[in-house]
Amino acid sequence: MQFKRLRTTAALACGGGMIALALTGCNADGTASVASSSSAKTAPAANSTHDQKSAAYTGQSDTPSCMASELKADLQLQDPESNGLEAELKAEKAAATLILTNRSGEICYLPAGWTPLGKGGQNNYTAIPATQVSYPGAGTRITLRPGRSAFAGTKWHTTKGCPGGTTDDLGVAWHSTWIPLTYHGLDDGYQPPICDSLTLGTLQPTMNGVNFT
């Protein structure tokens, strides 16, 4: 517990070739960058269930920031048919939900902003160039109870056999290290590679409205 209290809660800067989660985000070369789109449309408000509201919450300034070892990262592909994205599928575009889950037994917080993605595995991790947009709205500091999650929408261009496209060895940059990312495709095996034009929405405490449509 003493170790937890000693950890810094300050926002992390870019460094060591990794990209930290922050309000401004960071470029692949380590320089700061602002959100590339301030006009991203905001999703309409939706009624949250009690469970969704309790899944993540904000506040508690004495709460330590989440460490990589405390987080589990998943990328869940959206079903084009069930989400009305048939046109996107034909246009060779894909969309998925990025999920960060607190797998530890203690409360921690995620700083407001985006979660940069990378590829190459532990020994050859490189950031995937991405556009950061304030979708479905501005990011917010999120405090996670054990077992709870935060969510962000993602979308990208895809095609079979695209040069440099990837589905394996994905990860999330975090605290000068990275979190392995599990990519979940559809039940029929459909798992489009991330080719280019990756777009990241902000982390939010509930899934309502985060997915790009």
Protein backbone atom coordinates (compact mmCIF):
# COMPACT_ATOMS: atom_id res chain seq x y z
CA MET A 1 0.00 0.00 0.00
CA GLN A 2 2.87 2.36 0.74
CA PHE A 3 4.14 1.76 -2.80
CA LYS A 4 0.77 2.76 -4.17
CA ARG A 5 0.78 6.05 -2.25
CA LEU A 6 4.26 6.92 -3.45
CA ARG A 7 3.38 6.59 -7.12
CA THR A 8 3.00 9.83 -9.03
CA THR A 9 -0.40 10.96 -10.17
CA ALA A 10 0.99 13.56 -12.53
CA ALA A 11 0.22 13.36 -16.25
CA LEU A 12 2.97 11.52 -18.13
CA ALA A 13 5.01 13.08 -20.91
CA CYS A 14 6.28 11.46 -24.09
CA GLY A 15 9.56 9.66 -23.76
CA GLY A 16 11.64 6.65 -24.62
CA GLY A 17 9.91 6.14 -27.94
CA MET A 18 6.59 5.42 -26.21
CA ILE A 19 3.47 7.56 -26.29
CA ALA A 20 1.83 8.43 -22.97
CA LEU A 21 -1.87 8.92 -22.42
CA ALA A 22 -2.47 12.67 -21.97
CA LEU A 23 -4.87 15.45 -22.86
CA THR A 24 -2.67 16.68 -25.70
CA GLY A 25 -1.52 13.23 -26.78
CA CYS A 26 1.88 12.78 -28.39
CA ASN A 27 3.30 12.29 -31.82
CA ALA A 28 5.33 9.24 -32.78
CA ASP A 29 8.49 11.38 -32.68
CA GLY A 30 7.86 12.25 -29.03
CA THR A 31 6.52 15.78 -29.50
CA ALA A 32 3.21 16.89 -28.07
CA SER A 33 0.19 17.18 -30.32
CA VAL A 34 -3.27 18.57 -29.82
CA ALA A 35 -6.44 16.80 -30.87
CA SER A 36 -6.61 16.91 -34.63
CA SER A 37 -10.32 17.57 -34.76
CA SER A 38 -12.12 19.94 -32.42
CA SER A 39 -15.33 19.68 -34.42
CA ALA A 40 -16.01 15.98 -33.94
CA LYS A 41 -19.71 15.55 -33.35
CA THR A 42 -20.85 14.63 -29.88
CA ALA A 43 -23.06 11.60 -29.46
CA PRO A 44 -26.53 12.30 -27.98
CA ALA A 45 -26.95 11.64 -24.31
CA ALA A 46 -28.30 8.21 -23.44
CA ASN A 47 -29.83 6.80 -20.30
CA SER A 48 -27.15 4.82 -18.48
CA THR A 49 -27.98 1.82 -16.38
CA HIS A 50 -26.93 1.79 -12.74
CA ASP A 51 -24.24 -0.76 -13.57
CA GLN A 52 -22.82 1.45 -16.33
CA LYS A 53 -22.70 4.44 -14.04
CA SER A 54 -20.85 2.46 -11.39
CA ALA A 55 -18.44 0.94 -13.89
CA ALA A 56 -16.16 3.98 -13.69
CA TYR A 57 -16.29 7.27 -11.84
CA THR A 58 -14.25 10.44 -11.44
CA GLY A 59 -12.71 12.23 -8.49
CA GLN A 60 -10.50 11.24 -5.53
CA SER A 61 -7.36 13.32 -6.07
CA ASP A 62 -5.35 11.02 -3.81
CA THR A 63 -5.98 8.02 -6.09
CA PRO A 64 -2.78 6.78 -7.83
CA SER A 65 -2.58 6.52 -11.60
CA CYS A 66 -3.11 3.07 -13.09
CA MET A 67 0.06 1.18 -13.91
CA ALA A 68 0.52 -1.11 -16.90
CA SER A 69 0.60 -4.18 -14.66
CA GLU A 70 -2.84 -3.23 -13.31
CA LEU A 71 -4.55 -2.91 -16.70
CA LYS A 72 -5.90 -5.32 -19.29
CA ALA A 73 -6.43 -4.03 -22.85
CA ASP A 74 -8.89 -5.41 -25.41
CA LEU A 75 -9.98 -4.31 -28.87
CA GLN A 76 -13.47 -5.60 -29.74
CA LEU A 77 -14.42 -5.41 -33.41
CA GLN A 78 -17.89 -4.06 -34.16
CA ASP A 79 -20.12 -6.31 -36.25
CA PRO A 80 -20.78 -4.32 -39.46
CA GLU A 81 -24.17 -5.97 -39.96
CA SER A 82 -25.53 -5.53 -36.45
CA ASN A 83 -24.31 -1.92 -36.28
CA GLY A 84 -25.53 -0.84 -39.70
CA LEU A 85 -22.00 -0.51 -41.06
CA GLU A 86 -22.46 -2.54 -44.25
CA ALA A 87 -21.43 0.48 -46.32
CA GLU A 88 -18.30 0.86 -44.19
CA LEU A 89 -17.45 -2.79 -44.80
CA LYS A 90 -17.76 -2.33 -48.55
CA ALA A 91 -15.58 0.77 -48.30
CA GLU A 92 -12.95 -1.35 -46.53
CA LYS A 93 -13.27 0.41 -43.19
CA ALA A 94 -13.44 -1.17 -39.75
CA ALA A 95 -14.50 0.05 -36.30
CA ALA A 96 -13.85 -1.40 -32.84
CA THR A 97 -14.18 -0.61 -29.15
CA LEU A 98 -11.00 -0.19 -27.13
CA ILE A 99 -11.47 -1.40 -23.53
CA LEU A 100 -9.12 -0.83 -20.59
CA THR A 101 -9.97 -2.88 -17.49
CA ASN A 102 -8.56 -2.57 -13.97
CA ARG A 103 -7.50 -6.13 -13.20
CA SER A 104 -5.90 -5.25 -9.87
CA GLY A 105 -7.48 -5.27 -6.43
CA GLU A 106 -7.10 -1.54 -5.88
CA ILE A 107 -8.62 1.67 -7.23
CA CYS A 108 -6.57 3.67 -9.74
CA TYR A 109 -7.20 6.43 -12.28
CA LEU A 110 -6.72 6.98 -16.01
CA PRO A 111 -5.75 10.52 -17.09
CA ALA A 112 -8.09 12.23 -19.53
CA GLY A 113 -7.30 11.79 -23.20
CA TRP A 114 -6.55 9.08 -25.71
CA THR A 115 -4.95 5.63 -25.57
CA PRO A 116 -2.29 5.37 -28.31
CA LEU A 117 -1.95 2.00 -30.05
CA GLY A 118 1.19 0.33 -31.30
CA LYS A 119 2.46 -2.86 -32.89
CA GLY A 120 5.56 -5.03 -32.96
CA GLY A 121 5.46 -6.74 -29.60
CA GLN A 122 7.54 -6.09 -26.51
CA ASN A 123 10.95 -5.92 -28.19
CA ASN A 124 9.98 -3.94 -31.30
CA TYR A 125 7.10 -1.74 -30.22
CA THR A 126 6.30 1.15 -32.56
CA ALA A 127 3.36 3.54 -32.42
CA ILE A 128 0.69 3.28 -35.09
CA PRO A 129 0.13 6.76 -36.61
CA ALA A 130 -3.32 7.93 -35.58
CA THR A 131 -5.66 10.90 -35.63
CA GLN A 132 -7.03 11.85 -32.20
CA VAL A 133 -10.54 13.33 -32.11
CA SER A 134 -12.73 14.51 -29.26
CA TYR A 135 -15.36 11.85 -29.88
CA PRO A 136 -17.90 11.45 -28.36
CA GLY A 137 -16.64 14.48 -26.43
CA ALA A 138 -13.75 15.76 -24.37
CA GLY A 139 -11.82 13.20 -22.39
CA THR A 140 -12.21 12.99 -18.63
CA ARG A 141 -10.11 11.66 -15.78
CA ILE A 142 -11.57 8.25 -14.97
CA THR A 143 -11.19 6.47 -11.65
CA LEU A 144 -11.56 2.70 -11.98
CA ARG A 145 -12.66 0.33 -9.27
CA PRO A 146 -11.20 -3.18 -9.46
CA GLY A 147 -12.73 -5.10 -12.37
CA ARG A 148 -14.23 -2.00 -14.00
CA SER A 149 -13.48 -0.65 -17.49
CA ALA A 150 -13.13 2.50 -19.57
CA PHE A 151 -13.97 2.64 -23.28
CA ALA A 152 -12.95 4.43 -26.47
CA GLY A 153 -14.03 4.18 -30.10
CA THR A 154 -11.56 3.39 -32.88
CA LYS A 155 -11.81 3.11 -36.66
CA TRP A 156 -9.37 2.49 -39.50
CA HIS A 157 -8.94 1.68 -43.17
CA THR A 158 -8.50 -1.99 -43.94
CA THR A 159 -8.10 -4.38 -46.84
CA LYS A 160 -6.87 -7.93 -47.28
CA GLY A 161 -3.12 -8.13 -47.51
CA CYS A 162 -2.56 -4.41 -46.98
CA PRO A 163 1.13 -3.44 -46.74
CA GLY A 164 2.09 -3.10 -43.10
CA GLY A 165 -1.35 -4.13 -41.90
CA THR A 166 -1.47 -5.91 -38.57
CA THR A 167 -3.73 -7.95 -36.32
CA ASP A 168 -1.03 -9.44 -34.05
CA ASP A 169 1.40 -8.10 -31.45
CA LEU A 170 -0.73 -5.03 -30.79
CA GLY A 171 -0.34 -2.99 -27.63
CA VAL A 172 -1.18 0.20 -25.75
CA ALA A 173 1.62 2.63 -24.82
CA TRP A 174 1.71 3.18 -21.06
CA HIS A 175 4.18 4.54 -18.45
CA SER A 176 7.29 4.07 -20.62
CA THR A 177 6.20 0.51 -21.30
CA TRP A 178 3.19 -1.08 -23.01
CA ILE A 179 0.14 -3.23 -22.33
CA PRO A 180 -0.43 -6.21 -24.65
CA LEU A 181 -3.68 -5.70 -26.57
CA THR A 182 -6.00 -8.63 -27.31
CA TYR A 183 -7.81 -8.12 -30.62
CA HIS A 184 -11.22 -9.84 -30.70
CA GLY A 185 -12.71 -10.36 -34.15
CA LEU A 186 -16.13 -11.75 -35.01
CA ASP A 187 -17.28 -15.29 -34.30
CA ASP A 188 -16.92 -16.20 -37.98
CA GLY A 189 -13.21 -15.34 -37.85
CA TYR A 190 -13.50 -11.92 -39.49
CA GLN A 191 -10.58 -9.85 -38.17
CA PRO A 192 -9.65 -6.98 -40.51
CA PRO A 193 -6.05 -5.76 -40.19
CA ILE A 194 -5.25 -2.20 -39.17
CA CYS A 195 -3.84 -0.75 -42.39
CA ASP A 196 -3.89 3.05 -42.11
CA SER A 197 -6.07 6.07 -41.26
CA LEU A 198 -6.43 4.93 -37.64
CA THR A 199 -8.69 7.29 -35.67
CA LEU A 200 -8.93 7.29 -31.87
CA GLY A 201 -11.78 8.64 -29.75
CA THR A 202 -11.38 9.74 -26.13
CA LEU A 203 -11.55 7.36 -23.19
CA GLN A 204 -14.96 7.49 -21.50
CA PRO A 205 -16.36 5.92 -18.30
CA THR A 206 -19.23 4.14 -20.11
CA MET A 207 -19.64 2.59 -23.55
CA ASN A 208 -22.57 4.85 -24.43
CA GLY A 209 -21.82 6.68 -27.68
CA VAL A 210 -18.12 5.87 -27.93
CA ASN A 211 -18.31 3.70 -31.05
CA PHE A 212 -17.90 5.37 -34.43
CA THR A 213 -20.84 4.80 -36.77
